[in-house]
């Protein structure tokens, strides 16, 4: 959990204006597009956990 917060905090800390632009674009997406992005994030997270588990 701490690593996730660290990674999520890097972009707004280093590039606050760019981060705000990205958030504004996400707000304009439809529910289906946001769900698709969430699905991609879930699959990426599961894949990374599987790789860590496989190689440890």
PDB file of N, CA and C in Angstrom:
ATOM      1  N   UNK A   1       0.823  -1.183   0.000  1.00  0.00           N
ATOM      2  CA  UNK A   1       0.000   0.000   0.000  1.00  0.00           C
ATOM      3  C   UNK A   1       0.874   1.257   0.000  1.00  0.00           C
ATOM      4  N   UNK A   2       1.926   1.230   0.785  1.00  0.00           N
ATOM      5  CA  UNK A   2       2.817   2.376   0.827  1.00  0.00           C
ATOM      6  C   UNK A   2       3.477   2.633  -0.514  1.00  0.00           C
ATOM      7  N   UNK A   3       3.867   1.554  -1.210  1.00  0.00           N
ATOM      8  CA  UNK A   3       4.477   1.709  -2.531  1.00  0.00           C
ATOM      9  C   UNK A   3       3.487   2.312  -3.515  1.00  0.00           C
ATOM     10  N   UNK A   4       2.231   1.903  -3.440  1.00  0.00           N
ATOM     11  CA  UNK A   4       1.203   2.450  -4.322  1.00  0.00           C
ATOM     12  C   UNK A   4       1.046   3.959  -4.090  1.00  0.00           C
ATOM     13  N   UNK A   5       1.002   4.377  -2.828  1.00  0.00           N
ATOM     14  CA  UNK A   5       0.875   5.800  -2.527  1.00  0.00           C
ATOM     15  C   UNK A   5       2.103   6.572  -2.984  1.00  0.00           C
ATOM     16  N   UNK A   6       3.263   5.977  -2.840  1.00  0.00           N
ATOM     17  CA  UNK A   6       4.487   6.610  -3.314  1.00  0.00           C
ATOM     18  C   UNK A   6       4.437   6.828  -4.819  1.00  0.00           C
ATOM     19  N   UNK A   7       4.066   5.794  -5.556  1.00  0.00           N
ATOM     20  CA  UNK A   7       4.006   5.892  -7.013  1.00  0.00           C
ATOM     21  C   UNK A   7       2.923   6.870  -7.473  1.00  0.00           C
ATOM     22  N   UNK A   8       1.778   6.860  -6.811  1.00  0.00           N
ATOM     23  CA  UNK A   8       0.699   7.765  -7.203  1.00  0.00           C
ATOM     24  C   UNK A   8       1.002   9.217  -6.853  1.00  0.00           C
ATOM     25  N   UNK A   9       1.872   9.458  -5.900  1.00  0.00           N
ATOM     26  CA  UNK A   9       2.190  10.812  -5.508  1.00  0.00           C
ATOM     27  C   UNK A   9       3.290  11.462  -6.328  1.00  0.00           C
ATOM     28  N   UNK A  10       4.033  10.672  -7.083  1.00  0.00           N
ATOM     29  CA  UNK A  10       5.171  11.219  -7.833  1.00  0.00           C
ATOM     30  C   UNK A  10       4.715  12.209  -8.904  1.00  0.00           C
ATOM     31  N   UNK A  11       3.731  11.846  -9.706  1.00  0.00           N
ATOM     32  CA  UNK A  11       3.310  12.700 -10.831  1.00  0.00           C
ATOM     33  C   UNK A  11       2.738  14.035 -10.347  1.00  0.00           C
ATOM     34  N   UNK A  12       1.779  14.057  -9.400  1.00  0.00           N
ATOM     35  CA  UNK A  12       1.288  15.370  -8.967  1.00  0.00           C
ATOM     36  C   UNK A  12       2.359  16.213  -8.274  1.00  0.00           C
ATOM     37  N   UNK A  13       3.328  15.566  -7.625  1.00  0.00           N
ATOM     38  CA  UNK A  13       4.393  16.313  -6.972  1.00  0.00           C
ATOM     39  C   UNK A  13       5.332  16.955  -7.990  1.00  0.00           C
ATOM     40  N   UNK A  14       5.719  16.196  -9.009  1.00  0.00           N
ATOM     41  CA  UNK A  14       6.681  16.697  -9.990  1.00  0.00           C
ATOM     42  C   UNK A  14       6.045  17.549 -11.082  1.00  0.00           C
ATOM     43  N   UNK A  15       4.820  17.185 -11.496  1.00  0.00           N
ATOM     44  CA  UNK A  15       4.177  17.856 -12.629  1.00  0.00           C
ATOM     45  C   UNK A  15       2.728  18.208 -12.292  1.00  0.00           C
ATOM     46  N   UNK A  16       2.488  19.145 -11.384  1.00  0.00           N
ATOM     47  CA  UNK A  16       1.111  19.425 -10.951  1.00  0.00           C
ATOM     48  C   UNK A  16       0.213  19.941 -12.074  1.00  0.00           C
ATOM     49  N   UNK A  17       0.716  20.767 -12.948  1.00  0.00           N
ATOM     50  CA  UNK A  17      -0.122  21.294 -14.034  1.00  0.00           C
ATOM     51  C   UNK A  17      -0.519  20.182 -14.994  1.00  0.00           C
ATOM     52  N   UNK A  18       0.412  19.333 -15.363  1.00  0.00           N
ATOM     53  CA  UNK A  18       0.119  18.211 -16.271  1.00  0.00           C
ATOM     54  C   UNK A  18      -0.871  17.250 -15.618  1.00  0.00           C
ATOM     55  N   UNK A  19      -0.694  16.994 -14.321  1.00  0.00           N
ATOM     56  CA  UNK A  19      -1.595  16.104 -13.599  1.00  0.00           C
ATOM     57  C   UNK A  19      -3.019  16.651 -13.616  1.00  0.00           C
ATOM     58  N   UNK A  20      -3.170  17.968 -13.417  1.00  0.00           N
ATOM     59  CA  UNK A  20      -4.489  18.602 -13.441  1.00  0.00           C
ATOM     60  C   UNK A  20      -5.130  18.451 -14.817  1.00  0.00           C
ATOM     61  N   UNK A  21      -4.339  18.608 -15.883  1.00  0.00           N
ATOM     62  CA  UNK A  21      -4.861  18.430 -17.240  1.00  0.00           C
ATOM     63  C   UNK A  21      -5.356  17.004 -17.458  1.00  0.00           C
ATOM     64  N   UNK A  22      -4.597  16.037 -16.961  1.00  0.00           N
ATOM     65  CA  UNK A  22      -4.992  14.630 -17.108  1.00  0.00           C
ATOM     66  C   UNK A  22      -6.283  14.358 -16.350  1.00  0.00           C
ATOM     67  N   UNK A  23      -6.394  14.876 -15.128  1.00  0.00           N
ATOM     68  CA  UNK A  23      -7.612  14.678 -14.335  1.00  0.00           C
ATOM     69  C   UNK A  23      -8.817  15.298 -15.043  1.00  0.00           C
ATOM     70  N   UNK A  24      -8.653  16.477 -15.631  1.00  0.00           N
ATOM     71  CA  UNK A  24      -9.752  17.101 -16.364  1.00  0.00           C
ATOM     72  C   UNK A  24     -10.173  16.263 -17.569  1.00  0.00           C
ATOM     73  N   UNK A  25      -9.227  15.642 -18.229  1.00  0.00           N
ATOM     74  CA  UNK A  25      -9.573  14.760 -19.363  1.00  0.00           C
ATOM     75  C   UNK A  25     -10.330  13.530 -18.890  1.00  0.00           C
ATOM     76  N   UNK A  26      -9.916  12.968 -17.748  1.00  0.00           N
ATOM     77  CA  UNK A  26     -10.596  11.782 -17.219  1.00  0.00           C
ATOM     78  C   UNK A  26     -12.032  12.122 -16.835  1.00  0.00           C
ATOM     79  N   UNK A  27     -12.250  13.310 -16.294  1.00  0.00           N
ATOM     80  CA  UNK A  27     -13.600  13.730 -15.902  1.00  0.00           C
ATOM     81  C   UNK A  27     -14.527  13.744 -17.111  1.00  0.00           C
ATOM     82  N   UNK A  28     -14.001  14.040 -18.281  1.00  0.00           N
ATOM     83  CA  UNK A  28     -14.819  14.137 -19.487  1.00  0.00           C
ATOM     84  C   UNK A  28     -15.103  12.784 -20.135  1.00  0.00           C
ATOM     85  N   UNK A  29     -14.476  11.701 -19.650  1.00  0.00           N
ATOM     86  CA  UNK A  29     -14.707  10.379 -20.228  1.00  0.00           C
ATOM     87  C   UNK A  29     -16.072   9.843 -19.810  1.00  0.00           C
ATOM     88  N   UNK A  30     -16.605   8.951 -20.637  1.00  0.00           N
ATOM     89  CA  UNK A  30     -17.874   8.297 -20.289  1.00  0.00           C
ATOM     90  C   UNK A  30     -17.616   7.220 -19.239  1.00  0.00           C
ATOM     91  N   UNK A  31     -18.689   6.727 -18.626  1.00  0.00           N
ATOM     92  CA  UNK A  31     -18.562   5.671 -17.620  1.00  0.00           C
ATOM     93  C   UNK A  31     -17.918   4.416 -18.207  1.00  0.00           C
ATOM     94  N   UNK A  32     -18.283   4.063 -19.419  1.00  0.00           N
ATOM     95  CA  UNK A  32     -17.721   2.879 -20.060  1.00  0.00           C
ATOM     96  C   UNK A  32     -16.222   3.012 -20.286  1.00  0.00           C
ATOM     97  N   UNK A  33     -15.771   4.187 -20.684  1.00  0.00           N
ATOM     98  CA  UNK A  33     -14.341   4.401 -20.896  1.00  0.00           C
ATOM     99  C   UNK A  33     -13.578   4.332 -19.580  1.00  0.00           C
ATOM    100  N   UNK A  34     -14.161   4.876 -18.511  1.00  0.00           N
ATOM    101  CA  UNK A  34     -13.512   4.813 -17.200  1.00  0.00           C
ATOM    102  C   UNK A  34     -13.455   3.371 -16.715  1.00  0.00           C
ATOM    103  N   UNK A  35     -14.518   2.615 -16.933  1.00  0.00           N
ATOM    104  CA  UNK A  35     -14.512   1.200 -16.544  1.00  0.00           C
ATOM    105  C   UNK A  35     -13.432   0.428 -17.303  1.00  0.00           C
ATOM    106  N   UNK A  36     -13.276   0.733 -18.587  1.00  0.00           N
ATOM    107  CA  UNK A  36     -12.251   0.068 -19.380  1.00  0.00           C
ATOM    108  C   UNK A  36     -10.856   0.388 -18.836  1.00  0.00           C
ATOM    109  N   UNK A  37     -10.612   1.648 -18.486  1.00  0.00           N
ATOM    110  CA  UNK A  37      -9.322   2.013 -17.904  1.00  0.00           C
ATOM    111  C   UNK A  37      -9.103   1.285 -16.572  1.00  0.00           C
ATOM    112  N   UNK A  38     -10.162   1.162 -15.788  1.00  0.00           N
ATOM    113  CA  UNK A  38     -10.070   0.419 -14.529  1.00  0.00           C
ATOM    114  C   UNK A  38      -9.755  -1.046 -14.758  1.00  0.00           C
ATOM    115  N   UNK A  39     -10.371  -1.632 -15.778  1.00  0.00           N
ATOM    116  CA  UNK A  39     -10.102  -3.030 -16.112  1.00  0.00           C
ATOM    117  C   UNK A  39      -8.643  -3.221 -16.523  1.00  0.00           C
ATOM    118  N   UNK A  40      -8.127  -2.303 -17.339  1.00  0.00           N
ATOM    119  CA  UNK A  40      -6.730  -2.376 -17.758  1.00  0.00           C
ATOM    120  C   UNK A  40      -5.812  -2.272 -16.540  1.00  0.00           C
ATOM    121  N   UNK A  41      -6.127  -1.356 -15.606  1.00  0.00           N
ATOM    122  CA  UNK A  41      -5.316  -1.205 -14.396  1.00  0.00           C
ATOM    123  C   UNK A  41      -5.365  -2.476 -13.543  1.00  0.00           C
ATOM    124  N   UNK A  42      -6.554  -3.074 -13.418  1.00  0.00           N
ATOM    125  CA  UNK A  42      -6.676  -4.315 -12.659  1.00  0.00           C
ATOM    126  C   UNK A  42      -5.855  -5.432 -13.283  1.00  0.00           C
ATOM    127  N   UNK A  43      -5.944  -5.570 -14.590  1.00  0.00           N
ATOM    128  CA  UNK A  43      -5.198  -6.621 -15.280  1.00  0.00           C
ATOM    129  C   UNK A  43      -3.682  -6.396 -15.154  1.00  0.00           C
ATOM    130  N   UNK A  44      -3.252  -5.137 -15.251  1.00  0.00           N
ATOM    131  CA  UNK A  44      -1.836  -4.836 -15.076  1.00  0.00           C
ATOM    132  C   UNK A  44      -1.359  -5.154 -13.668  1.00  0.00           C
ATOM    133  N   UNK A  45      -2.169  -4.821 -12.684  1.00  0.00           N
ATOM    134  CA  UNK A  45      -1.825  -5.133 -11.297  1.00  0.00           C
ATOM    135  C   UNK A  45      -1.758  -6.622 -11.035  1.00  0.00           C
ATOM    136  N   UNK A  46      -2.739  -7.351 -11.561  1.00  0.00           N
ATOM    137  CA  UNK A  46      -2.722  -8.806 -11.392  1.00  0.00           C
ATOM    138  C   UNK A  46      -1.524  -9.434 -12.088  1.00  0.00           C
ATOM    139  N   UNK A  47      -1.197  -8.945 -13.278  1.00  0.00           N
ATOM    140  CA  UNK A  47      -0.047  -9.472 -14.012  1.00  0.00           C
ATOM    141  C   UNK A  47       1.252  -9.202 -13.249  1.00  0.00           C
ATOM    142  N   UNK A  48       1.386  -8.015 -12.689  1.00  0.00           N
ATOM    143  CA  UNK A  48       2.615  -7.712 -11.949  1.00  0.00           C
ATOM    144  C   UNK A  48       2.710  -8.550 -10.673  1.00  0.00           C
ATOM    145  N   UNK A  49       1.590  -8.761  -9.993  1.00  0.00           N
ATOM    146  CA  UNK A  49       1.609  -9.622  -8.808  1.00  0.00           C
ATOM    147  C   UNK A  49       1.944 -11.060  -9.180  1.00  0.00           C
ATOM    148  N   UNK A  50       1.408 -11.539 -10.301  1.00  0.00           N
ATOM    149  CA  UNK A  50       1.705 -12.892 -10.747  1.00  0.00           C
ATOM    150  C   UNK A  50       3.181 -13.046 -11.078  1.00  0.00           C
ATOM    151  N   UNK A  51       3.768 -12.032 -11.730  1.00  0.00           N
ATOM    152  CA  UNK A  51       5.195 -12.100 -12.057  1.00  0.00           C
ATOM    153  C   UNK A  51       6.058 -12.109 -10.795  1.00  0.00           C
ATOM    154  N   UNK A  52       5.712 -11.261  -9.845  1.00  0.00           N
ATOM    155  CA  UNK A  52       6.473 -11.228  -8.589  1.00  0.00           C
ATOM    156  C   UNK A  52       6.350 -12.559  -7.869  1.00  0.00           C
ATOM    157  N   UNK A  53       5.163 -13.115  -7.841  1.00  0.00           N
ATOM    158  CA  UNK A  53       4.942 -14.399  -7.173  1.00  0.00           C
ATOM    159  C   UNK A  53       5.676 -15.510  -7.914  1.00  0.00           C
ATOM    160  N   UNK A  54       5.713 -15.467  -9.224  1.00  0.00           N
ATOM    161  CA  UNK A  54       6.355 -16.513 -10.015  1.00  0.00           C
ATOM    162  C   UNK A  54       7.868 -16.502  -9.825  1.00  0.00           C
ATOM    163  N   UNK A  55       8.469 -15.325  -9.750  1.00  0.00           N
ATOM    164  CA  UNK A  55       9.921 -15.223  -9.655  1.00  0.00           C
ATOM    165  C   UNK A  55      10.457 -15.154  -8.227  1.00  0.00           C
ATOM    166  N   UNK A  56       9.586 -15.276  -7.247  1.00  0.00           N
ATOM    167  CA  UNK A  56      10.102 -15.267  -5.873  1.00  0.00           C
ATOM    168  C   UNK A  56       9.941 -16.612  -5.193  1.00  0.00           C
TER     169      UNK A  56
END
